[in-house]
Protein backbone atom coordinates (compact mmCIF):
# COMPACT_ATOMS: atom_id res chain seq x y z
CA UNK A 1 -52.62 12.10 -12.77
CA UNK A 2 -51.26 10.21 -9.80
CA UNK A 3 -50.04 12.18 -6.85
CA UNK A 4 -46.92 10.93 -5.05
CA UNK A 5 -46.92 10.54 -1.31
CA UNK A 6 -44.41 12.63 0.60
CA UNK A 7 -41.55 10.66 2.11
CA UNK A 8 -42.01 9.85 5.76
CA UNK A 9 -39.40 10.80 8.33
CA UNK A 10 -38.89 7.19 9.38
CA UNK A 11 -38.29 6.06 5.77
CA UNK A 12 -35.88 8.93 5.20
CA UNK A 13 -33.87 8.17 8.33
CA UNK A 14 -33.66 4.48 7.47
CA UNK A 15 -32.30 5.32 4.01
CA UNK A 16 -29.80 7.78 5.51
CA UNK A 17 -28.65 5.09 7.96
CA UNK A 18 -28.12 2.64 5.11
CA UNK A 19 -26.08 5.19 3.15
CA UNK A 20 -23.93 6.05 6.17
CA UNK A 21 -23.36 2.37 6.96
CA UNK A 22 -22.22 1.78 3.39
CA UNK A 23 -19.96 4.81 3.51
CA UNK A 24 -18.46 3.61 6.81
CA UNK A 25 -17.69 0.20 5.30
CA UNK A 26 -16.00 1.85 2.34
CA UNK A 27 -14.05 4.21 4.60
CA UNK A 28 -12.93 1.52 7.07
CA UNK A 29 -12.09 -1.09 4.46
CA UNK A 30 -10.65 1.39 1.98
CA UNK A 31 -13.22 0.28 -0.58
CA UNK A 32 -11.42 -2.98 -1.22
CA UNK A 33 -14.48 -5.13 -0.54
CA UNK A 34 -16.58 -3.24 -3.04
CA UNK A 35 -13.78 -3.21 -5.58
CA UNK A 36 -13.35 -6.97 -5.23
CA UNK A 37 -17.00 -7.36 -6.08
CA UNK A 38 -16.56 -5.18 -9.15
CA UNK A 39 -13.28 -6.46 -10.56
CA UNK A 40 -10.12 -8.06 -9.22
CA UNK A 41 -8.08 -6.03 -11.70
CA UNK A 42 -9.27 -2.80 -10.10
CA UNK A 43 -8.16 -4.01 -6.68
CA UNK A 44 -4.67 -4.71 -7.98
CA UNK A 45 -4.58 -1.34 -9.69
CA UNK A 46 -5.65 0.49 -6.55
CA UNK A 47 -3.26 -1.43 -4.28
CA UNK A 48 -0.16 -1.32 -6.50
CA UNK A 49 -0.30 2.30 -7.62
CA UNK A 50 2.24 4.89 -6.56
CA UNK A 51 1.43 8.61 -6.49
CA UNK A 52 2.55 10.68 -9.48
CA UNK A 53 2.85 14.38 -10.18
CA UNK A 54 0.74 15.38 -13.15
CA UNK A 55 -0.44 18.58 -14.83
CA UNK A 56 -4.09 19.62 -15.06
CA UNK A 57 -5.15 22.99 -16.44
CA UNK A 58 -1.55 24.28 -16.34
CA UNK A 59 -1.13 23.42 -12.65
CA UNK A 60 0.78 20.55 -11.09
CA UNK A 61 -1.08 18.21 -8.76
CA UNK A 62 -0.33 14.98 -6.93
CA UNK A 63 -2.45 12.10 -8.17
CA UNK A 64 -2.56 9.61 -5.29
CA UNK A 65 -4.13 6.89 -7.44
CA UNK A 66 -1.18 6.79 -9.82
CA UNK A 67 -3.45 6.60 -12.87
CA UNK A 68 -2.63 10.03 -14.28
CA UNK A 69 0.06 10.60 -16.87
CA UNK A 70 3.21 11.53 -14.94
CA UNK A 71 4.85 14.85 -15.74
CA UNK A 72 8.51 14.88 -16.71
CA UNK A 73 10.18 18.21 -17.39
CA UNK A 74 11.52 18.59 -20.95
CA UNK A 75 15.26 18.11 -21.42
CA UNK A 76 17.16 21.29 -20.60
CA UNK A 77 14.22 22.88 -18.79
CA UNK A 78 15.11 21.91 -15.23
CA UNK A 79 16.78 24.73 -13.30
CA UNK A 80 19.79 22.77 -12.02
CA UNK A 81 20.37 20.63 -15.09
CA UNK A 82 23.16 22.73 -16.70
CA UNK A 83 25.36 22.41 -13.59
CA UNK A 84 24.27 18.96 -12.38
CA UNK A 85 27.32 17.23 -13.84
CA UNK A 86 29.79 19.51 -11.98
CA UNK A 87 31.63 18.46 -8.85
CA UNK A 88 31.29 20.56 -5.71
CA UNK A 89 34.67 22.22 -6.34
CA UNK A 90 33.92 23.05 -9.97
CA UNK A 91 30.46 24.32 -9.05
CA UNK A 92 31.84 26.66 -6.38
CA UNK A 93 34.61 27.91 -8.69
CA UNK A 94 32.06 28.91 -11.34
CA UNK A 95 29.47 30.25 -8.93
CA UNK A 96 31.51 31.68 -6.06
CA UNK A 97 28.55 33.48 -4.45
CA UNK A 98 26.78 30.20 -3.61
């Protein structure tokens, strides 16, 4: 049975420096350089996406990547929908306390 050598401090710090340098490149460049190396389609997807509101585990969240399925409230379930077609005058005549 072969016994492994413990990692040396100098080797560990050099690997940590490499990881931090890679993370800095991704953070500064927004990951576009790495994505270009992976696939041009991913770069277009990440650059052209708009944030969407989606539902996960019965809670709404904002998906900044735009890849989630957007949530649209069912017809008739929005709170202001029944009176949305009214003019200001008609709205105030029906709901005078507003």
